C-alpha atoms as a PDB file:
ATOM      1  CA  MET A   1      12.716  19.009  15.389  1.00  0.00           C
ATOM      2  CA  GLY A   2      13.028  19.891  11.497  1.00  0.00           C
ATOM      3  CA  ARG A   3      10.464  22.089   9.957  1.00  0.00           C
ATOM      4  CA  GLN A   4       8.387  20.196   7.298  1.00  0.00           C
ATOM      5  CA  ARG A   5       9.247  21.275   3.651  1.00  0.00           C
ATOM      6  CA  LYS A   6       5.872  22.711   2.169  1.00  0.00           C
ATOM      7  CA  GLY A   7       4.336  20.443  -0.563  1.00  0.00           C
ATOM      8  CA  PHE A   8       6.146  17.305   0.728  1.00  0.00           C
ATOM      9  CA  LEU A   9       5.191  14.257   2.908  1.00  0.00           C
ATOM     10  CA  LYS A  10       4.903  14.098   6.539  1.00  0.00           C
ATOM     11  CA  GLU A  11       5.485  10.990   8.428  1.00  0.00           C
ATOM     12  CA  THR A  12       2.823   8.794   9.883  1.00  0.00           C
ATOM     13  CA  LYS A  13       3.443   5.836  12.412  1.00  0.00           C
ATOM     14  CA  MET A  14       1.761   2.673  10.705  1.00  0.00           C
ATOM     15  CA  ILE A  15       1.011  -1.015  12.041  1.00  0.00           C
ATOM     16  CA  ASP A  16       3.957  -3.355  11.762  1.00  0.00           C
ATOM     17  CA  ILE A  17       3.692  -6.923  10.369  1.00  0.00           C
ATOM     18  CA  ALA A  18       5.341  -9.961  11.747  1.00  0.00           C
ATOM     19  CA  PHE A  19       5.110 -13.625  11.079  1.00  0.00           C
ATOM     20  CA  ASP A  20       5.917 -16.396  13.672  1.00  0.00           C
ATOM     21  CA  MET A  21       5.509 -20.383  13.148  1.00  0.00           C
ATOM     22  CA  HIS A  22       4.800 -21.387  16.864  1.00  0.00           C
ATOM     23  CA  ARG A  23       1.082 -22.066  17.162  1.00  0.00           C
ATOM     24  CA  ASP A  24       0.604 -20.918  20.711  1.00  0.00           C
ATOM     25  CA  ASN A  25      -0.502 -17.097  21.530  1.00  0.00           C
ATOM     26  CA  THR A  26       3.089 -16.066  22.409  1.00  0.00           C
ATOM     27  CA  PHE A  27       5.675 -14.084  20.541  1.00  0.00           C
ATOM     28  CA  CYS A  28       9.354 -13.264  21.588  1.00  0.00           C
ATOM     29  CA  GLY A  29       8.506 -15.105  24.769  1.00  0.00           C
ATOM     30  CA  GLU A  30       5.619 -13.079  25.610  1.00  0.00           C
ATOM     31  CA  SER A  31       1.912 -13.893  25.752  1.00  0.00           C
ATOM     32  CA  PHE A  32      -0.824 -11.632  23.971  1.00  0.00           C
ATOM     33  CA  SER A  33      -4.507 -11.619  22.882  1.00  0.00           C
ATOM     34  CA  VAL A  34      -5.381 -14.115  20.015  1.00  0.00           C
ATOM     35  CA  ILE A  35      -7.610 -13.718  17.103  1.00  0.00           C
ATOM     36  CA  THR A  36      -8.975 -16.643  15.021  1.00  0.00           C
ATOM     37  CA  ILE A  37     -10.207 -15.904  11.622  1.00  0.00           C
ATOM     38  CA  ASP A  38     -12.259 -18.605  10.291  1.00  0.00           C
ATOM     39  CA  ASN A  39     -14.626 -16.597   7.773  1.00  0.00           C
ATOM     40  CA  PRO A  40     -13.524 -15.991   4.088  1.00  0.00           C
ATOM     41  CA  ALA A  41     -12.894 -12.714   2.601  1.00  0.00           C
ATOM     42  CA  HIS A  42     -13.380 -11.939  -1.226  1.00  0.00           C
ATOM     43  CA  THR A  43     -13.338  -8.260  -1.682  1.00  0.00           C
ATOM     44  CA  TRP A  44     -11.175  -5.280  -0.490  1.00  0.00           C
ATOM     45  CA  ALA A  45     -14.269  -4.172   1.627  1.00  0.00           C
ATOM     46  CA  ASP A  46     -14.284  -7.658   3.338  1.00  0.00           C
ATOM     47  CA  TYR A  47     -10.509  -7.130   4.511  1.00  0.00           C
ATOM     48  CA  LYS A  48     -10.947  -3.474   5.300  1.00  0.00           C
ATOM     49  CA  LYS A  49     -14.267  -4.211   7.905  1.00  0.00           C
ATOM     50  CA  GLN A  50     -12.236  -6.915   9.511  1.00  0.00           C
ATOM     51  CA  ALA A  51      -9.099  -4.500   9.706  1.00  0.00           C
ATOM     52  CA  ASP A  52     -11.206  -1.890  11.285  1.00  0.00           C
ATOM     53  CA  LYS A  53     -13.007  -4.087  13.638  1.00  0.00           C
ATOM     54  CA  LEU A  54      -9.691  -5.398  14.862  1.00  0.00           C
ATOM     55  CA  ILE A  55      -8.012  -2.196  15.377  1.00  0.00           C
ATOM     56  CA  LYS A  56     -10.822  -0.823  17.066  1.00  0.00           C
ATOM     57  CA  GLU A  57     -11.034  -3.782  19.762  1.00  0.00           C
ATOM     58  CA  HIS A  58      -7.448  -4.128  20.385  1.00  0.00           C
ATOM     59  CA  SER A  59      -6.471  -0.197  20.033  1.00  0.00           C
ATOM     60  CA  SER A  60      -5.156  -0.365  23.575  1.00  0.00           C
ATOM     61  CA  GLU A  61      -2.807  -3.419  22.958  1.00  0.00           C
ATOM     62  CA  LYS A  62       0.647  -3.128  21.599  1.00  0.00           C
ATOM     63  CA  THR A  63       0.596  -6.649  20.089  1.00  0.00           C
ATOM     64  CA  VAL A  64      -1.901  -8.644  18.687  1.00  0.00           C
ATOM     65  CA  VAL A  65      -1.549 -12.236  17.453  1.00  0.00           C
ATOM     66  CA  VAL A  66      -3.743 -13.701  14.458  1.00  0.00           C
ATOM     67  CA  LYS A  67      -4.537 -17.173  13.508  1.00  0.00           C
ATOM     68  CA  VAL A  68      -6.233 -17.707   9.899  1.00  0.00           C
ATOM     69  CA  SER A  69      -7.860 -20.898   9.577  1.00  0.00           C
ATOM     70  CA  ASN A  70      -9.730 -20.451   6.329  1.00  0.00           C
ATOM     71  CA  ALA A  71      -8.003 -21.129   3.045  1.00  0.00           C
ATOM     72  CA  ASP A  72     -10.066 -18.130   1.259  1.00  0.00           C
ATOM     73  CA  PHE A  73      -8.622 -15.392   3.596  1.00  0.00           C
ATOM     74  CA  SER A  74      -5.517 -14.055   2.572  1.00  0.00           C
ATOM     75  CA  ILE A  75      -2.960 -12.986   5.164  1.00  0.00           C
ATOM     76  CA  ASN A  76      -1.409 -10.676   2.642  1.00  0.00           C
ATOM     77  CA  LYS A  77      -4.321  -8.862   1.553  1.00  0.00           C
ATOM     78  CA  PHE A  78      -5.494  -8.582   5.244  1.00  0.00           C
ATOM     79  CA  SER A  79      -2.017  -7.036   6.314  1.00  0.00           C
ATOM     80  CA  VAL A  80      -2.398  -4.333   3.686  1.00  0.00           C
ATOM     81  CA  ALA A  81      -6.073  -3.688   4.964  1.00  0.00           C
ATOM     82  CA  LEU A  82      -4.562  -3.506   8.441  1.00  0.00           C
ATOM     83  CA  PHE A  83      -2.006  -1.046   7.155  1.00  0.00           C
ATOM     84  CA  VAL A  84      -4.483   1.236   5.574  1.00  0.00           C
ATOM     85  CA  SER A  85      -6.748   0.988   8.568  1.00  0.00           C
ATOM     86  CA  SER A  86      -3.998   2.039  10.942  1.00  0.00           C
ATOM     87  CA  PHE A  87      -3.309   4.920   9.030  1.00  0.00           C
ATOM     88  CA  GLU A  88      -6.917   6.285   9.881  1.00  0.00           C
ATOM     89  CA  ALA A  89      -6.943   5.168  13.455  1.00  0.00           C
ATOM     90  CA  ALA A  90      -5.494   7.426  16.250  1.00  0.00           C
ATOM     91  CA  ASP A  91      -5.196   4.569  18.466  1.00  0.00           C
ATOM     92  CA  LYS A  92      -3.716   1.116  17.324  1.00  0.00           C
ATOM     93  CA  PRO A  93      -1.701  -1.800  18.036  1.00  0.00           C
ATOM     94  CA  ASP A  94       1.855  -1.201  17.005  1.00  0.00           C
ATOM     95  CA  LEU A  95       2.308  -5.058  15.729  1.00  0.00           C
ATOM     96  CA  VAL A  96       0.291  -7.798  14.326  1.00  0.00           C
ATOM     97  CA  VAL A  97       1.804 -11.064  14.243  1.00  0.00           C
ATOM     98  CA  PHE A  98       0.414 -13.681  12.010  1.00  0.00           C
ATOM     99  CA  LYS A  99       0.882 -17.448  13.013  1.00  0.00           C
ATOM    100  CA  VAL A 100       2.097 -19.607   9.893  1.00  0.00           C
ATOM    101  CA  ASP A 101       3.103 -22.852   9.151  1.00  0.00           C
ATOM    102  CA  ASP A 102       6.097 -21.932   6.764  1.00  0.00           C
ATOM    103  CA  LEU A 103       7.986 -18.884   7.898  1.00  0.00           C
ATOM    104  CA  GLU A 104      10.396 -18.270   5.003  1.00  0.00           C
ATOM    105  CA  ARG A 105       7.392 -18.937   2.493  1.00  0.00           C
ATOM    106  CA  ALA A 106       5.175 -16.425   4.326  1.00  0.00           C
ATOM    107  CA  ARG A 107       8.024 -13.943   4.310  1.00  0.00           C
ATOM    108  CA  GLU A 108       8.621 -14.343   0.514  1.00  0.00           C
ATOM    109  CA  ALA A 109       5.050 -14.111  -0.395  1.00  0.00           C
ATOM    110  CA  TYR A 110       4.503 -10.892   1.715  1.00  0.00           C
ATOM    111  CA  LYS A 111       7.464  -8.899  -0.096  1.00  0.00           C
ATOM    112  CA  PRO A 112       5.259  -7.665  -2.810  1.00  0.00           C
ATOM    113  CA  TYR A 113       2.512  -6.796  -0.385  1.00  0.00           C
ATOM    114  CA  LEU A 114       5.238  -4.751   1.665  1.00  0.00           C
ATOM    115  CA  ALA A 115       6.215  -2.747  -1.575  1.00  0.00           C
ATOM    116  CA  LEU A 116       2.192  -2.306  -1.858  1.00  0.00           C
ATOM    117  CA  THR A 117       1.915  -0.926   1.640  1.00  0.00           C
ATOM    118  CA  VAL A 118       4.635   1.822   1.203  1.00  0.00           C
ATOM    119  CA  ALA A 119       2.875   2.691  -2.164  1.00  0.00           C
ATOM    120  CA  LEU A 120      -0.195   2.959  -0.245  1.00  0.00           C
ATOM    121  CA  LYS A 121       1.245   5.073   2.546  1.00  0.00           C
ATOM    122  CA  TYR A 122       2.364   7.386   0.072  1.00  0.00           C
ATOM    123  CA  VAL A 123      -1.063   7.935  -1.542  1.00  0.00           C
ATOM    124  CA  LEU A 124      -2.524   8.228   1.878  1.00  0.00           C
ATOM    125  CA  GLN A 125      -0.504  11.143   2.671  1.00  0.00           C
ATOM    126  CA  LEU A 126      -1.252  13.080  -0.764  1.00  0.00           C
ATOM    127  CA  PHE A 127      -4.628  12.057  -1.589  1.00  0.00           C
ATOM    128  CA  ASN A 128      -6.295  15.199  -0.251  1.00  0.00           C
ATOM    129  CA  GLN A 129      -3.656  17.616  -1.678  1.00  0.00           C
ATOM    130  CA  PRO A 130      -3.839  20.043  -4.557  1.00  0.00           C
ATOM    131  CA  PRO A 131      -2.858  19.029  -8.017  1.00  0.00           C
ATOM    132  CA  GLU A 132       0.504  21.002  -8.100  1.00  0.00           C
ATOM    133  CA  VAL A 133       1.609  19.115  -4.548  1.00  0.00           C
ATOM    134  CA  ILE A 134       0.872  15.744  -5.914  1.00  0.00           C
ATOM    135  CA  CYS A 135       2.405  16.389  -9.389  1.00  0.00           C
ATOM    136  CA  ARG A 136       5.547  17.741  -7.291  1.00  0.00           C
ATOM    137  CA  ASN A 137       5.806  14.360  -5.404  1.00  0.00           C
ATOM    138  CA  VAL A 138       5.195  12.246  -8.332  1.00  0.00           C
ATOM    139  CA  SER A 139       8.035  14.083 -10.025  1.00  0.00           C
ATOM    140  CA  ILE A 140      10.604  13.005  -7.774  1.00  0.00           C
ATOM    141  CA  LEU A 141       9.984   9.284  -7.875  1.00  0.00           C
ATOM    142  CA  GLY A 142      13.043   8.880  -9.949  1.00  0.00           C
ATOM    143  CA  TYR A 143      15.062   7.689  -7.071  1.00  0.00           C
ATOM    144  CA  LEU A 144      13.090   4.499  -7.627  1.00  0.00           C
ATOM    145  CA  GLY A 145      14.709   3.729 -10.876  1.00  0.00           C
ATOM    146  CA  LEU A 146      11.875   5.336 -12.970  1.00  0.00           C
ATOM    147  CA  LEU A 147      12.415   7.476 -15.929  1.00  0.00           C
ATOM    148  CA  ILE A 148      10.753  10.736 -15.364  1.00  0.00           C
ATOM    149  CA  GLU A 149      10.469  13.543 -18.047  1.00  0.00           C
ATOM    150  CA  THR A 150       8.497  16.572 -18.554  1.00  0.00           C
ATOM    151  CA  ASP A 151       7.235  17.948 -22.076  1.00  0.00           C
ATOM    152  CA  TYR A 152       6.784  21.511 -20.811  1.00  0.00           C
ATOM    153  CA  VAL A 153       5.400  22.207 -24.606  1.00  0.00           C
ATOM    154  CA  ASN A 154       2.561  20.027 -24.193  1.00  0.00           C
ATOM    155  CA  ASN A 155       2.350  19.922 -20.558  1.00  0.00           C
ATOM    156  CA  VAL A 156       2.709  16.265 -20.084  1.00  0.00           C
ATOM    157  CA  MET A 157       4.809  14.531 -17.609  1.00  0.00           C
ATOM    158  CA  LEU A 158       5.944  10.891 -18.464  1.00  0.00           C
ATOM    159  CA  LEU A 159       6.656   8.182 -16.216  1.00  0.00           C
ATOM    160  CA  GLU A 160       8.333   5.029 -16.897  1.00  0.00           C
ATOM    161  CA  TYR A 161       9.157   1.833 -15.341  1.00  0.00           C
ATOM    162  CA  SER A 162      11.334  -0.759 -16.956  1.00  0.00           C
ATOM    163  CA  GLY A 163      11.759  -4.049 -15.246  1.00  0.00           C
ATOM    164  CA  ASN A 164      12.460  -6.249 -18.257  1.00  0.00           C
ATOM    165  CA  SER A 165      12.880  -5.458 -22.134  1.00  0.00           C
ATOM    166  CA  GLY A 166       9.339  -7.082 -22.870  1.00  0.00           C
ATOM    167  CA  ALA A 167       5.961  -5.330 -24.067  1.00  0.00           C
ATOM    168  CA  VAL A 168       5.046  -2.088 -22.574  1.00  0.00           C
ATOM    169  CA  TYR A 169       1.879  -1.438 -20.628  1.00  0.00           C
ATOM    170  CA  GLU A 170       0.786   2.132 -21.343  1.00  0.00           C
ATOM    171  CA  PHE A 171      -1.784   4.139 -19.481  1.00  0.00           C
ATOM    172  CA  GLU A 172      -2.812   7.832 -19.141  1.00  0.00           C
ATOM    173  CA  ALA A 173      -3.537   9.962 -16.222  1.00  0.00           C
ATOM    174  CA  HIS A 174      -5.836  13.126 -16.333  1.00  0.00           C
ATOM    175  CA  ASP A 175      -6.692  13.788 -12.659  1.00  0.00           C
ATOM    176  CA  SER A 176      -5.632  13.486  -9.208  1.00  0.00           C
ATOM    177  CA  PHE A 177      -7.207  10.229  -8.899  1.00  0.00           C
ATOM    178  CA  GLU A 178      -5.457   8.761 -12.008  1.00  0.00           C
ATOM    179  CA  VAL A 179      -1.841  10.235 -11.009  1.00  0.00           C
ATOM    180  CA  LEU A 180      -2.096   8.622  -7.464  1.00  0.00           C
ATOM    181  CA  LEU A 181      -3.281   5.716  -8.919  1.00  0.00           C
ATOM    182  CA  TRP A 182      -0.510   4.843 -11.183  1.00  0.00           C
ATOM    183  CA  ALA A 183       1.949   6.562  -9.008  1.00  0.00           C
ATOM    184  CA  ALA A 184       0.969   3.887  -6.541  1.00  0.00           C
ATOM    185  CA  VAL A 185       1.222   0.869  -8.881  1.00  0.00           C
ATOM    186  CA  LEU A 186       4.736   2.000 -10.428  1.00  0.00           C
ATOM    187  CA  LYS A 187       5.944   2.587  -6.922  1.00  0.00           C
ATOM    188  CA  THR A 188       4.862  -0.864  -6.115  1.00  0.00           C
ATOM    189  CA  VAL A 189       6.286  -2.558  -8.983  1.00  0.00           C
ATOM    190  CA  SER A 190       9.467  -0.847  -8.694  1.00  0.00           C
ATOM    191  CA  LEU A 191      10.040  -1.694  -4.766  1.00  0.00           C
ATOM    192  CA  ALA A 192       8.880  -5.191  -5.548  1.00  0.00           C
ATOM    193  CA  GLN A 193      11.333  -5.509  -8.748  1.00  0.00           C
ATOM    194  CA  ILE A 194       8.575  -6.799 -10.816  1.00  0.00           C
ATOM    195  CA  PRO A 195       9.581  -8.056 -14.288  1.00  0.00           C
ATOM    196  CA  THR A 196       7.213  -5.804 -16.356  1.00  0.00           C
ATOM    197  CA  LYS A 197       7.501  -2.566 -18.253  1.00  0.00           C
ATOM    198  CA  ILE A 198       4.707   0.405 -17.394  1.00  0.00           C
ATOM    199  CA  ARG A 199       4.643   3.724 -19.031  1.00  0.00           C
ATOM    200  CA  VAL A 200       2.021   6.398 -18.023  1.00  0.00           C
ATOM    201  CA  ARG A 201       1.392   9.775 -19.347  1.00  0.00           C
ATOM    202  CA  VAL A 202       0.163  12.307 -17.060  1.00  0.00           C
ATOM    203  CA  PHE A 203      -1.475  15.416 -18.359  1.00  0.00           C
ATOM    204  CA  LEU A 204      -0.740  18.202 -16.133  1.00  0.00           C
ATOM    205  CA  GLY A 205      -2.783  21.150 -15.502  1.00  0.00           C
ATOM    206  CA  PHE A 206      -5.835  19.434 -14.237  1.00  0.00           C
ATOM    207  CA  GLU A 207      -8.370  21.010 -11.674  1.00  0.00           C
ATOM    208  CA  PRO A 208      -8.456  20.097  -8.045  1.00  0.00           C
ATOM    209  CA  GLN A 209     -10.652  17.166  -7.387  1.00  0.00           C
ATOM    210  CA  LYS A 210     -12.224  15.338  -4.174  1.00  0.00           C
ATOM    211  CA  VAL A 211     -10.639  11.952  -4.091  1.00  0.00           C
ATOM    212  CA  ASP A 212     -12.580   9.218  -2.511  1.00  0.00           C
ATOM    213  CA  VAL A 213      -9.775   7.441  -0.924  1.00  0.00           C
ATOM    214  CA  ASN A 214     -11.676   4.202  -0.318  1.00  0.00           C
ATOM    215  CA  GLU A 215     -12.253   3.925  -3.804  1.00  0.00           C
ATOM    216  CA  LEU A 216      -8.549   4.908  -4.519  1.00  0.00           C
ATOM    217  CA  MET A 217      -7.364   2.071  -2.533  1.00  0.00           C
ATOM    218  CA  GLU A 218      -9.705  -0.465  -3.868  1.00  0.00           C
ATOM    219  CA  GLN A 219      -8.452   0.570  -7.414  1.00  0.00           C
ATOM    220  CA  ILE A 220      -4.905   0.567  -6.635  1.00  0.00           C
ATOM    221  CA  ILE A 221      -4.939  -3.083  -5.217  1.00  0.00           C
ATOM    222  CA  GLN A 222      -7.379  -4.252  -8.269  1.00  0.00           C
ATOM    223  CA  LYS A 223      -4.446  -2.804 -10.797  1.00  0.00           C
ATOM    224  CA  VAL A 224      -1.557  -4.003  -8.599  1.00  0.00           C
ATOM    225  CA  SER A 225      -2.960  -7.642  -8.579  1.00  0.00           C
ATOM    226  CA  PHE A 226      -2.287  -8.031 -12.160  1.00  0.00           C
ATOM    227  CA  TRP A 227       1.258  -8.321 -11.523  1.00  0.00           C
ATOM    228  CA  ILE A 228       1.388  -9.560  -7.806  1.00  0.00           C
ATOM    229  CA  LYS A 229      -0.644 -12.572  -6.682  1.00  0.00           C
END
């Protein structure tokens, strides 16, 4: 096994999400436990609580099937919550399968949320790192198509996503929390190819900070929801 490069990310096994049109308790010809969700959810805390419960109660199972019967419960937001909860859990299912009526529509609607889960995984692996490690990792996000420039005179790093030629949404980041917040937003819109333009100025040299990861996750999801519905 190769050595981990200091200051860069390590891999963590996360839960996988799948969709299936068959309304029974089977997936790929096998039968599994079925969870029926008939309660609404309105906040990130609602979805996170449900996700924690599912993972705890089914931690020893490889696959869990979920049926959602409430129109005020978002499969996509719940999937994101499951993804975050699975990062925190030592034991968890490998796969959660959602039963849906329209397979192609469900897959298409999930695409930007899949991009969001990738961004959240990135942040979850960085949130407790010192500023120099966070900034080092953010500085190599150019592979996503971001423009990244560093002004060494003023100690500012510019991050810009150009998904269209329209108006620019401009933001600033002055600490670890804000850097991770906007890095996650930029990573999400870039991976999902959202037609927008975002510019973030990161003011370098900030002090170490204890980041509340739950608050960070909630803020990321709130910000990203402006661009993905």
